[in-house]
Structure formats: C-alpha cells, structure tokens
C-alpha atoms as a PDB file:
ATOM      1  CA  MET A   1      10.642   7.539 -13.625  1.00  0.00           C
ATOM      2  CA  ASP A   2      11.457  11.155 -14.099  1.00  0.00           C
ATOM      3  CA  GLY A   3       9.244  14.050 -13.155  1.00  0.00           C
ATOM      4  CA  GLY A   4       8.150  14.746 -16.741  1.00  0.00           C
ATOM      5  CA  SER A   5       4.477  15.268 -17.371  1.00  0.00           C
ATOM      6  CA  GLY A   6       2.656  12.613 -19.326  1.00  0.00           C
ATOM      7  CA  THR A   7       5.178   9.904 -18.437  1.00  0.00           C
ATOM      8  CA  ARG A   8       3.666   6.459 -18.972  1.00  0.00           C
ATOM      9  CA  LEU A   9       5.069   3.029 -18.373  1.00  0.00           C
ATOM     10  CA  ASP A  10       4.034  -0.054 -20.306  1.00  0.00           C
ATOM     11  CA  ILE A  11       4.318  -2.248 -17.214  1.00  0.00           C
ATOM     12  CA  ALA A  12       5.339  -2.018 -13.575  1.00  0.00           C
ATOM     13  CA  VAL A  13       6.239  -5.123 -11.578  1.00  0.00           C
ATOM     14  CA  ASP A  14       6.405  -5.266  -7.787  1.00  0.00           C
ATOM     15  CA  GLY A  15       5.592  -7.414  -4.784  1.00  0.00           C
ATOM     16  CA  ALA A  16       3.064  -6.983  -1.989  1.00  0.00           C
ATOM     17  CA  ASP A  17       2.812  -7.722   1.717  1.00  0.00           C
ATOM     18  CA  GLN A  18      -0.816  -8.883   1.504  1.00  0.00           C
ATOM     19  CA  VAL A  19      -3.117  -9.833  -1.382  1.00  0.00           C
ATOM     20  CA  ALA A  20      -6.843 -10.290  -0.731  1.00  0.00           C
ATOM     21  CA  PRO A  21      -9.138 -12.342  -3.005  1.00  0.00           C
ATOM     22  CA  ASP A  22     -10.653  -9.127  -4.429  1.00  0.00           C
ATOM     23  CA  LEU A  23      -7.069  -7.953  -5.235  1.00  0.00           C
ATOM     24  CA  TRP A  24      -6.837  -5.262  -2.592  1.00  0.00           C
ATOM     25  CA  LEU A  25      -3.146  -5.089  -1.676  1.00  0.00           C
ATOM     26  CA  VAL A  26      -1.135  -3.919   1.287  1.00  0.00           C
ATOM     27  CA  LYS A  27       2.303  -2.604   0.425  1.00  0.00           C
ATOM     28  CA  GLY A  28       4.808  -0.650   2.456  1.00  0.00           C
ATOM     29  CA  GLY A  29       6.857  -3.138   4.384  1.00  0.00           C
ATOM     30  CA  GLY A  30       9.882  -1.519   2.765  1.00  0.00           C
ATOM     31  CA  ALA A  31       8.601   2.042   3.379  1.00  0.00           C
ATOM     32  CA  ALA A  32       8.474   3.072  -0.295  1.00  0.00           C
ATOM     33  CA  HIS A  33       4.748   2.554  -0.920  1.00  0.00           C
ATOM     34  CA  THR A  34       4.142   6.177  -1.930  1.00  0.00           C
ATOM     35  CA  ARG A  35       6.634   5.923  -4.778  1.00  0.00           C
ATOM     36  CA  GLU A  36       5.396   2.433  -5.613  1.00  0.00           C
ATOM     37  CA  LYS A  37       1.815   3.715  -5.875  1.00  0.00           C
ATOM     38  CA  VAL A  38       2.918   6.552  -8.171  1.00  0.00           C
ATOM     39  CA  VAL A  39       4.701   4.045 -10.427  1.00  0.00           C
ATOM     40  CA  ALA A  40       1.741   1.622 -10.409  1.00  0.00           C
ATOM     41  CA  ALA A  41      -0.661   4.430 -11.334  1.00  0.00           C
ATOM     42  CA  ALA A  42       1.618   5.550 -14.185  1.00  0.00           C
ATOM     43  CA  ALA A  43       1.777   2.068 -15.700  1.00  0.00           C
ATOM     44  CA  ASP A  44      -0.589   0.656 -18.302  1.00  0.00           C
ATOM     45  CA  ARG A  45      -0.268  -2.695 -16.471  1.00  0.00           C
ATOM     46  CA  PHE A  46       0.699  -3.288 -12.846  1.00  0.00           C
ATOM     47  CA  LEU A  47       1.851  -6.861 -12.288  1.00  0.00           C
ATOM     48  CA  VAL A  48       2.285  -8.097  -8.717  1.00  0.00           C
ATOM     49  CA  ILE A  49       4.431 -11.136  -7.932  1.00  0.00           C
ATOM     50  CA  VAL A  50       4.087 -12.828  -4.537  1.00  0.00           C
ATOM     51  CA  SER A  51       4.606 -16.135  -2.801  1.00  0.00           C
ATOM     52  CA  SER A  52       1.494 -17.958  -1.622  1.00  0.00           C
ATOM     53  CA  ASN A  53       2.090 -16.915   2.006  1.00  0.00           C
ATOM     54  CA  LYS A  54       1.142 -13.335   0.993  1.00  0.00           C
ATOM     55  CA  LEU A  55      -2.417 -14.378   0.141  1.00  0.00           C
ATOM     56  CA  VAL A  56      -4.913 -13.470   2.869  1.00  0.00           C
ATOM     57  CA  ASP A  57      -8.638 -14.014   3.284  1.00  0.00           C
ATOM     58  CA  ARG A  58      -9.037 -10.324   4.083  1.00  0.00           C
ATOM     59  CA  ILE A  59      -6.748  -7.350   4.579  1.00  0.00           C
ATOM     60  CA  ALA A  60      -5.488  -7.077   8.148  1.00  0.00           C
ATOM     61  CA  PRO A  61      -3.306  -4.637  10.054  1.00  0.00           C
ATOM     62  CA  PRO A  62      -0.733  -3.296   9.981  1.00  0.00           C
ATOM     63  CA  VAL A  63      -1.354  -0.865   7.139  1.00  0.00           C
ATOM     64  CA  PRO A  64       1.772   1.240   6.564  1.00  0.00           C
ATOM     65  CA  LEU A  65       1.337   5.000   6.308  1.00  0.00           C
ATOM     66  CA  GLU A  66       3.811   7.600   5.137  1.00  0.00           C
ATOM     67  CA  VAL A  67       3.347  10.579   7.462  1.00  0.00           C
ATOM     68  CA  LEU A  68       4.948  14.023   7.492  1.00  0.00           C
ATOM     69  CA  ARG A  69       7.373  14.679  10.335  1.00  0.00           C
ATOM     70  CA  PHE A  70       5.839  18.113  10.725  1.00  0.00           C
ATOM     71  CA  GLY A  71       2.822  17.844  13.001  1.00  0.00           C
ATOM     72  CA  LEU A  72       3.423  14.143  13.678  1.00  0.00           C
ATOM     73  CA  ALA A  73       1.793  14.237  17.139  1.00  0.00           C
ATOM     74  CA  ALA A  74      -1.326  15.925  15.732  1.00  0.00           C
ATOM     75  CA  THR A  75      -1.500  13.430  12.879  1.00  0.00           C
ATOM     76  CA  LEU A  76      -1.178  10.496  15.293  1.00  0.00           C
ATOM     77  CA  ARG A  77      -3.959  11.985  17.426  1.00  0.00           C
ATOM     78  CA  ARG A  78      -6.265  12.217  14.368  1.00  0.00           C
ATOM     79  CA  LEU A  79      -5.348   8.677  13.307  1.00  0.00           C
ATOM     80  CA  SER A  80      -6.212   7.400  16.782  1.00  0.00           C
ATOM     81  CA  GLU A  81      -9.828   8.389  16.076  1.00  0.00           C
ATOM     82  CA  LEU A  82      -9.798   5.620  13.417  1.00  0.00           C
ATOM     83  CA  GLY A  83      -7.868   3.079  15.476  1.00  0.00           C
ATOM     84  CA  PRO A  84      -4.455   2.520  17.028  1.00  0.00           C
ATOM     85  CA  ALA A  85      -1.442   3.755  15.083  1.00  0.00           C
ATOM     86  CA  GLU A  86       2.201   3.852  16.057  1.00  0.00           C
ATOM     87  CA  VAL A  87       5.468   5.020  14.601  1.00  0.00           C
ATOM     88  CA  ARG A  88       7.356   2.014  13.239  1.00  0.00           C
ATOM     89  CA  GLU A  89      10.255   1.333  15.618  1.00  0.00           C
ATOM     90  CA  GLY A  90      13.699   1.532  14.053  1.00  0.00           C
ATOM     91  CA  ALA A  91      12.363   2.359  10.591  1.00  0.00           C
ATOM     92  CA  ALA A  92      14.520   4.500   8.370  1.00  0.00           C
ATOM     93  CA  PRO A  93      12.829   7.568   6.907  1.00  0.00           C
ATOM     94  CA  THR A  94      10.930   7.104   3.663  1.00  0.00           C
ATOM     95  CA  PRO A  95      12.721   8.101   0.437  1.00  0.00           C
ATOM     96  CA  GLU A  96      11.056  11.514   0.858  1.00  0.00           C
ATOM     97  CA  GLY A  97      12.320  11.869   4.452  1.00  0.00           C
ATOM     98  CA  ASN A  98       8.986  11.172   6.119  1.00  0.00           C
ATOM     99  CA  VAL A  99       7.996   8.799   8.927  1.00  0.00           C
ATOM    100  CA  ILE A 100       6.448   5.330   8.625  1.00  0.00           C
ATOM    101  CA  VAL A 101       3.461   4.795  10.903  1.00  0.00           C
ATOM    102  CA  ASP A 102       1.665   1.477  11.139  1.00  0.00           C
ATOM    103  CA  PHE A 103      -2.112   1.709  11.362  1.00  0.00           C
ATOM    104  CA  LEU A 104      -3.151  -1.166  13.632  1.00  0.00           C
ATOM    105  CA  GLY A 105      -6.895  -0.612  13.699  1.00  0.00           C
ATOM    106  CA  PRO A 106      -9.583  -2.673  12.009  1.00  0.00           C
ATOM    107  CA  VAL A 107      -9.787  -3.035   8.233  1.00  0.00           C
ATOM    108  CA  ALA A 108     -13.462  -3.920   7.820  1.00  0.00           C
ATOM    109  CA  ASP A 109     -13.730  -2.294   4.373  1.00  0.00           C
ATOM    110  CA  PRO A 110     -10.415  -1.423   2.669  1.00  0.00           C
ATOM    111  CA  SER A 111     -12.085   1.173   0.436  1.00  0.00           C
ATOM    112  CA  GLU A 112     -13.625   3.029   3.374  1.00  0.00           C
ATOM    113  CA  LEU A 113     -10.406   2.838   5.385  1.00  0.00           C
ATOM    114  CA  ALA A 114      -8.352   4.084   2.417  1.00  0.00           C
ATOM    115  CA  GLU A 115     -10.655   7.075   2.110  1.00  0.00           C
ATOM    116  CA  ALA A 116     -10.550   7.803   5.853  1.00  0.00           C
ATOM    117  CA  LEU A 117      -6.751   7.524   6.048  1.00  0.00           C
ATOM    118  CA  ALA A 118      -6.287   9.744   2.993  1.00  0.00           C
ATOM    119  CA  ALA A 119      -8.441  12.416   4.650  1.00  0.00           C
ATOM    120  CA  VAL A 120      -6.171  12.747   7.707  1.00  0.00           C
ATOM    121  CA  PRO A 121      -3.955  15.834   7.388  1.00  0.00           C
ATOM    122  CA  GLY A 122      -0.305  14.803   7.521  1.00  0.00           C
ATOM    123  CA  VAL A 123      -0.824  11.387   5.949  1.00  0.00           C
ATOM    124  CA  VAL A 124       1.109  11.525   2.682  1.00  0.00           C
ATOM    125  CA  GLU A 125      -0.044   8.091   1.486  1.00  0.00           C
ATOM    126  CA  HIS A 126      -1.324   4.783   2.802  1.00  0.00           C
ATOM    127  CA  GLY A 127      -0.256   1.282   1.817  1.00  0.00           C
ATOM    128  CA  LEU A 128      -3.705   0.154   0.641  1.00  0.00           C
ATOM    129  CA  PHE A 129      -3.634  -0.396  -3.122  1.00  0.00           C
ATOM    130  CA  PRO A 130      -7.079  -0.711  -4.734  1.00  0.00           C
ATOM    131  CA  PRO A 131      -7.887  -3.480  -7.214  1.00  0.00           C
ATOM    132  CA  ALA A 132      -8.292  -0.864  -9.961  1.00  0.00           C
ATOM    133  CA  LEU A 133      -4.479  -0.407  -9.949  1.00  0.00           C
ATOM    134  CA  VAL A 134      -3.759  -4.131 -10.217  1.00  0.00           C
ATOM    135  CA  SER A 135      -3.732  -5.825 -13.612  1.00  0.00           C
ATOM    136  CA  GLU A 136      -2.688  -9.267 -12.457  1.00  0.00           C
ATOM    137  CA  VAL A 137      -1.130 -11.089  -9.510  1.00  0.00           C
ATOM    138  CA  LEU A 138       1.266 -13.977 -10.081  1.00  0.00           C
ATOM    139  CA  VAL A 139       1.431 -16.310  -7.088  1.00  0.00           C
ATOM    140  CA  GLY A 140       4.288 -18.759  -6.643  1.00  0.00           C
ATOM    141  CA  ARG A 141       2.914 -21.968  -5.161  1.00  0.00           C
ATOM    142  CA  ASN A 142       4.744 -25.299  -4.866  1.00  0.00           C
ATOM    143  CA  GLY A 143       6.886 -24.787  -7.952  1.00  0.00           C
ATOM    144  CA  SER A 144       4.051 -23.490 -10.115  1.00  0.00           C
ATOM    145  CA  VAL A 145       2.546 -20.083 -10.829  1.00  0.00           C
ATOM    146  CA  GLU A 146      -1.105 -19.199 -10.292  1.00  0.00           C
ATOM    147  CA  ARG A 147      -2.563 -16.145 -12.056  1.00  0.00           C
ATOM    148  CA  LEU A 148      -5.114 -13.945 -10.334  1.00  0.00           C
ATOM    149  CA  ALA A 149      -6.657 -11.354 -12.631  1.00  0.00           C
ATOM    150  CA  ARG A 150      -8.887  -8.435 -11.838  1.00  0.00           C
ATOM    151  CA  PRO A 151     -12.418  -8.981 -13.158  1.00  0.00           C
ATOM    152  CA  ARG A 152     -13.033  -6.768 -16.160  1.00  0.00           C
END
C-alpha cells in the first residue's frame, strides 16, 4: 500500500495469533500489527487464515502493543494501571522503529481493553482486532477447511 488518500484494497489476507468464537483476534507476534491493522481497515474484505491451534475460547494475554520509544518508562507506568506489561525481550523494533510491549493483564472484555489500551499516551497500536474488521476466518483442521464468518 502506498500513502495515497482513498486507497482501497479488494481483499487482505493474513494470519492471527488467537481467534475467539466472536472473531476478536490477537495479532502482533511478528511485531507488525499496526501496519496489518491499517491494511485490514483499508480492505473491503479481510480474510484470516489460521490453523486450528489458534482458536481460543476467549482472548488471553499476551496482547502485543506497539509503543513509542520516547517516554517508554512513563507509558509502561500508565499501562501498569491496567495490568502487567513488559518490553518483549530480544524483539527487533517494529517497522516504524518502535518498541513491542506485551500486555500481560486480564482480557475480560476485549472491547473495553482495546479502548483502555488505545487511551494510554505512547501506545501507537494494540494487537486486538475487532470482529468488525474481519470478514471471514478460514481454519485448517485435519486436512479440511472450516469457515467462520462474522454475523451480519
């Protein structure tokens, strides 16, 4: 994708680290979830392909966060008000040169947590992808493919 305004994609295809029954996703194991979320939001359809071991009953930590280097200690202090968070050991910088932090606190309600994480100054983006972004999930299971679609 270029930086042009009005850029749309017909379809974006990617994987996920976790997929809940309501199609909340966790992405960011590879530290590019900010770019991946931009691409997913620009696409008319966002198709997620995973193996069955990525299906979870409910979203659980860690939730990857892209965090600015500037003010990192202050950002970590604010995050600690929500739950434990730590800089990912040995992680390369994100494509934008930022730091990956894993939020290790509870994920009772992904929507509420997404809102709370987004409100912390210094957090560029979180790895929680809402069901509204997801068109369909294809799950590889024992040589077959199961389709999970977002309710319309």
